[in-house]
Amino acid sequence: MTLSPEDFAHASGSAEDLAALSTGTYVEERDYDLLGNVTTVRRGAPGSTRLRETTIYDGHNRATNVVRRVSATESDVVARTYFPGGQLQSESI
C-alpha cells in the first residue's frame, strides 16, 4: 500500500498525534490517553470501523496488556511484565 500526504488526517500538526488514516477504502482511527499513548485502534471501511486493538498501560507508561481482535469471536492477548528499571521482563501471548 502506498500512501500520499493527503491520506493522513492529523489531530494536530505532529505525526505522533495521528488520529485517523484513510485511503478511500480503508480507515484506521486511534484514541490516545492523556499521556499520548495509543489506547484503542479501530480499522475498517469508511463509516464502519471496528475495534481491533486495545492497550492498557501501567503507572510508568509501559504497555502491560494488548488485546488484538483476530476475528469476530477471537482475540490475542499479549501480557507484559517489567523489571523495576523498566526493562521488559516477560511477554506472553
N, C-alpha and C. Protein backbone atom coordinates (compact mmCIF):
# COMPACT_ATOMS: atom_id res chain seq x y z
N MET A 1 0.85 -1.16 0.00
CA MET A 1 0.00 0.00 0.00
C MET A 1 0.90 1.23 0.00
N THR A 2 0.68 2.15 -0.89
CA THR A 2 1.41 3.40 -0.95
C THR A 2 0.50 4.52 -0.49
N LEU A 3 1.00 5.34 0.40
CA LEU A 3 0.20 6.43 0.94
C LEU A 3 0.80 7.76 0.54
N SER A 4 -0.06 8.70 0.27
CA SER A 4 0.38 10.05 -0.03
C SER A 4 0.08 10.94 1.17
N PRO A 5 0.67 12.13 1.25
CA PRO A 5 0.37 13.02 2.38
C PRO A 5 -1.12 13.33 2.53
N GLU A 6 -1.87 13.30 1.45
CA GLU A 6 -3.31 13.58 1.53
C GLU A 6 -4.08 12.47 2.24
N ASP A 7 -3.45 11.29 2.38
CA ASP A 7 -4.12 10.16 3.04
C ASP A 7 -4.18 10.30 4.55
N PHE A 8 -3.40 11.21 5.12
CA PHE A 8 -3.31 11.34 6.57
C PHE A 8 -4.16 12.49 7.07
N ALA A 9 -4.92 12.22 8.14
CA ALA A 9 -5.67 13.27 8.82
C ALA A 9 -5.09 13.38 10.22
N HIS A 10 -4.51 14.51 10.56
CA HIS A 10 -3.85 14.69 11.85
C HIS A 10 -4.76 15.43 12.82
N ALA A 11 -4.76 14.99 14.07
CA ALA A 11 -5.48 15.72 15.10
C ALA A 11 -4.74 17.00 15.45
N SER A 12 -3.43 16.97 15.29
CA SER A 12 -2.61 18.17 15.46
C SER A 12 -1.50 18.09 14.42
N GLY A 13 -0.52 18.97 14.52
CA GLY A 13 0.48 19.04 13.48
C GLY A 13 1.54 17.97 13.49
N SER A 14 1.62 17.13 14.53
CA SER A 14 2.71 16.17 14.60
C SER A 14 2.25 14.76 14.23
N ALA A 15 3.17 14.00 13.67
CA ALA A 15 2.86 12.62 13.26
C ALA A 15 2.55 11.74 14.46
N GLU A 16 3.06 12.09 15.66
CA GLU A 16 2.79 11.29 16.85
C GLU A 16 1.32 11.34 17.25
N ASP A 17 0.60 12.35 16.81
CA ASP A 17 -0.81 12.51 17.16
C ASP A 17 -1.74 12.07 16.04
N LEU A 18 -1.30 11.15 15.20
CA LEU A 18 -2.13 10.68 14.11
C LEU A 18 -3.43 10.10 14.67
N ALA A 19 -4.55 10.70 14.32
CA ALA A 19 -5.84 10.26 14.84
C ALA A 19 -6.58 9.41 13.83
N ALA A 20 -6.34 9.64 12.54
CA ALA A 20 -7.05 8.87 11.53
C ALA A 20 -6.22 8.78 10.27
N LEU A 21 -6.36 7.67 9.58
CA LEU A 21 -5.70 7.42 8.31
C LEU A 21 -6.76 6.89 7.37
N SER A 22 -6.82 7.43 6.19
CA SER A 22 -7.83 6.98 5.23
C SER A 22 -7.21 6.88 3.85
N THR A 23 -7.49 5.78 3.16
CA THR A 23 -7.02 5.62 1.78
C THR A 23 -8.21 5.52 0.82
N GLY A 24 -9.37 5.88 1.27
CA GLY A 24 -10.57 5.80 0.44
C GLY A 24 -11.39 4.56 0.75
N THR A 25 -10.75 3.38 0.75
CA THR A 25 -11.46 2.13 1.05
C THR A 25 -11.06 1.56 2.40
N TYR A 26 -10.09 2.19 3.07
CA TYR A 26 -9.59 1.72 4.36
C TYR A 26 -9.48 2.90 5.30
N VAL A 27 -9.92 2.69 6.54
CA VAL A 27 -9.84 3.73 7.57
C VAL A 27 -9.22 3.12 8.82
N GLU A 28 -8.30 3.85 9.46
CA GLU A 28 -7.78 3.47 10.75
C GLU A 28 -7.90 4.68 11.66
N GLU A 29 -8.53 4.48 12.82
CA GLU A 29 -8.73 5.56 13.79
C GLU A 29 -8.08 5.16 15.10
N ARG A 30 -7.48 6.14 15.78
CA ARG A 30 -6.79 5.87 17.04
C ARG A 30 -7.27 6.82 18.13
N ASP A 31 -7.36 6.30 19.35
CA ASP A 31 -7.63 7.12 20.53
C ASP A 31 -6.39 7.11 21.40
N TYR A 32 -6.18 8.21 22.13
CA TYR A 32 -5.00 8.38 22.97
C TYR A 32 -5.40 8.70 24.40
N ASP A 33 -4.55 8.32 25.36
CA ASP A 33 -4.78 8.75 26.72
C ASP A 33 -4.13 10.12 26.92
N LEU A 34 -4.21 10.66 28.11
CA LEU A 34 -3.68 12.00 28.38
C LEU A 34 -2.17 12.09 28.24
N LEU A 35 -1.48 10.95 28.28
CA LEU A 35 -0.02 10.94 28.15
C LEU A 35 0.44 10.69 26.71
N GLY A 36 -0.51 10.56 25.78
CA GLY A 36 -0.17 10.37 24.38
C GLY A 36 -0.03 8.93 23.95
N ASN A 37 -0.36 7.98 24.80
CA ASN A 37 -0.30 6.56 24.45
C ASN A 37 -1.53 6.17 23.63
N VAL A 38 -1.33 5.37 22.60
CA VAL A 38 -2.46 4.85 21.82
C VAL A 38 -3.20 3.84 22.69
N THR A 39 -4.49 4.09 22.94
CA THR A 39 -5.28 3.19 23.78
C THR A 39 -6.19 2.27 22.96
N THR A 40 -6.72 2.76 21.85
CA THR A 40 -7.56 1.92 21.00
C THR A 40 -7.25 2.20 19.54
N VAL A 41 -7.43 1.15 18.73
CA VAL A 41 -7.27 1.26 17.28
C VAL A 41 -8.49 0.61 16.65
N ARG A 42 -9.14 1.34 15.77
CA ARG A 42 -10.28 0.82 15.01
C ARG A 42 -9.90 0.83 13.53
N ARG A 43 -10.29 -0.24 12.82
CA ARG A 43 -9.98 -0.34 11.39
C ARG A 43 -11.21 -0.82 10.64
N GLY A 44 -11.25 -0.48 9.37
CA GLY A 44 -12.33 -0.97 8.52
C GLY A 44 -12.59 -0.05 7.37
N ALA A 45 -13.78 -0.20 6.81
CA ALA A 45 -14.22 0.63 5.69
C ALA A 45 -14.76 1.95 6.24
N PRO A 46 -14.73 2.99 5.45
CA PRO A 46 -15.28 4.27 5.92
C PRO A 46 -16.72 4.09 6.41
N GLY A 47 -16.99 4.61 7.60
CA GLY A 47 -18.34 4.52 8.17
C GLY A 47 -18.63 3.24 8.92
N SER A 48 -17.71 2.26 8.88
CA SER A 48 -17.98 1.00 9.58
C SER A 48 -16.69 0.43 10.18
N THR A 49 -15.98 1.24 10.95
CA THR A 49 -14.76 0.74 11.58
C THR A 49 -15.10 -0.13 12.78
N ARG A 50 -14.22 -1.06 13.08
CA ARG A 50 -14.40 -1.96 14.21
C ARG A 50 -13.18 -1.91 15.11
N LEU A 51 -13.42 -2.08 16.41
CA LEU A 51 -12.34 -2.10 17.37
C LEU A 51 -11.43 -3.28 17.07
N ARG A 52 -10.13 -3.02 16.92
CA ARG A 52 -9.18 -4.07 16.59
C ARG A 52 -8.10 -4.26 17.65
N GLU A 53 -7.81 -3.20 18.41
CA GLU A 53 -6.74 -3.32 19.39
C GLU A 53 -6.99 -2.37 20.56
N THR A 54 -6.77 -2.88 21.77
CA THR A 54 -6.87 -2.09 22.99
C THR A 54 -5.59 -2.31 23.79
N THR A 55 -5.02 -1.23 24.29
CA THR A 55 -3.78 -1.32 25.06
C THR A 55 -3.98 -0.68 26.43
N ILE A 56 -3.50 -1.37 27.47
CA ILE A 56 -3.55 -0.88 28.85
C ILE A 56 -2.13 -0.62 29.31
N TYR A 57 -1.92 0.52 29.96
CA TYR A 57 -0.60 0.94 30.40
C TYR A 57 -0.54 0.96 31.93
N ASP A 58 0.68 0.75 32.46
CA ASP A 58 0.86 0.84 33.91
C ASP A 58 1.18 2.28 34.31
N GLY A 59 1.44 2.50 35.58
CA GLY A 59 1.72 3.84 36.07
C GLY A 59 3.03 4.43 35.59
N HIS A 60 3.84 3.61 34.92
CA HIS A 60 5.12 4.08 34.38
C HIS A 60 5.06 4.22 32.87
N ASN A 61 3.84 4.23 32.32
CA ASN A 61 3.65 4.47 30.89
C ASN A 61 4.13 3.31 30.01
N ARG A 62 4.08 2.08 30.54
CA ARG A 62 4.51 0.90 29.80
C ARG A 62 3.29 0.05 29.47
N ALA A 63 3.23 -0.44 28.25
CA ALA A 63 2.10 -1.30 27.84
C ALA A 63 2.18 -2.61 28.60
N THR A 64 1.13 -2.92 29.37
CA THR A 64 1.10 -4.16 30.14
C THR A 64 0.19 -5.21 29.52
N ASN A 65 -0.85 -4.77 28.84
CA ASN A 65 -1.77 -5.69 28.17
C ASN A 65 -2.19 -5.10 26.84
N VAL A 66 -2.12 -5.95 25.81
CA VAL A 66 -2.58 -5.55 24.48
C VAL A 66 -3.55 -6.63 24.01
N VAL A 67 -4.76 -6.24 23.69
CA VAL A 67 -5.77 -7.17 23.19
C VAL A 67 -5.98 -6.86 21.71
N ARG A 68 -5.71 -7.86 20.86
CA ARG A 68 -5.88 -7.70 19.41
C ARG A 68 -6.97 -8.64 18.92
N ARG A 69 -7.99 -8.09 18.33
CA ARG A 69 -9.07 -8.92 17.78
C ARG A 69 -8.60 -9.51 16.47
N VAL A 70 -8.66 -10.82 16.36
CA VAL A 70 -8.25 -11.50 15.14
C VAL A 70 -9.45 -12.00 14.33
N SER A 71 -10.61 -12.06 14.98
CA SER A 71 -11.85 -12.40 14.29
C SER A 71 -13.00 -11.89 15.15
N ALA A 72 -14.21 -12.14 14.72
CA ALA A 72 -15.38 -11.67 15.47
C ALA A 72 -15.49 -12.34 16.83
N THR A 73 -14.91 -13.52 16.98
CA THR A 73 -15.04 -14.26 18.23
C THR A 73 -13.73 -14.53 18.94
N GLU A 74 -12.59 -14.18 18.34
CA GLU A 74 -11.30 -14.49 18.93
C GLU A 74 -10.42 -13.26 19.07
N SER A 75 -9.64 -13.25 20.14
CA SER A 75 -8.69 -12.17 20.39
C SER A 75 -7.38 -12.77 20.88
N ASP A 76 -6.28 -12.11 20.55
CA ASP A 76 -4.97 -12.43 21.11
C ASP A 76 -4.73 -11.44 22.23
N VAL A 77 -4.23 -11.94 23.36
CA VAL A 77 -3.89 -11.07 24.48
C VAL A 77 -2.40 -11.18 24.72
N VAL A 78 -1.72 -10.05 24.68
CA VAL A 78 -0.29 -10.00 24.97
C VAL A 78 -0.15 -9.37 26.36
N ALA A 79 0.46 -10.11 27.30
CA ALA A 79 0.69 -9.61 28.66
C ALA A 79 2.18 -9.41 28.85
N ARG A 80 2.55 -8.26 29.36
CA ARG A 80 3.96 -7.93 29.57
C ARG A 80 4.21 -7.58 31.03
N THR A 81 5.37 -7.98 31.52
CA THR A 81 5.83 -7.55 32.83
C THR A 81 7.20 -6.91 32.66
N TYR A 82 7.56 -6.07 33.62
CA TYR A 82 8.80 -5.30 33.53
C TYR A 82 9.60 -5.41 34.80
N PHE A 83 10.92 -5.33 34.67
CA PHE A 83 11.81 -5.22 35.82
C PHE A 83 11.64 -3.83 36.41
N PRO A 84 12.04 -3.64 37.68
CA PRO A 84 11.90 -2.32 38.30
C PRO A 84 12.57 -1.19 37.52
N GLY A 85 13.64 -1.49 36.79
CA GLY A 85 14.32 -0.46 36.00
C GLY A 85 13.63 -0.14 34.68
N GLY A 86 12.55 -0.86 34.35
CA GLY A 86 11.79 -0.58 33.15
C GLY A 86 12.04 -1.51 31.99
N GLN A 87 13.02 -2.40 32.10
CA GLN A 87 13.31 -3.33 31.01
C GLN A 87 12.23 -4.41 30.97
N LEU A 88 11.93 -4.84 29.75
CA LEU A 88 10.94 -5.91 29.58
C LEU A 88 11.42 -7.17 30.26
N GLN A 89 10.60 -7.74 31.13
CA GLN A 89 10.93 -8.97 31.84
C GLN A 89 10.33 -10.19 31.16
N SER A 90 9.06 -10.08 30.79
CA SER A 90 8.41 -11.22 30.14
C SER A 90 7.29 -10.70 29.22
N GLU A 91 7.00 -11.54 28.24
CA GLU A 91 5.89 -11.24 27.33
C GLU A 91 5.24 -12.57 26.98
N SER A 92 3.95 -12.67 27.18
CA SER A 92 3.23 -13.89 26.86
C SER A 92 2.03 -13.58 26.00
N ILE A 93 1.72 -14.51 25.11
CA ILE A 93 0.58 -14.35 24.21
C ILE A 93 -0.42 -15.44 24.49
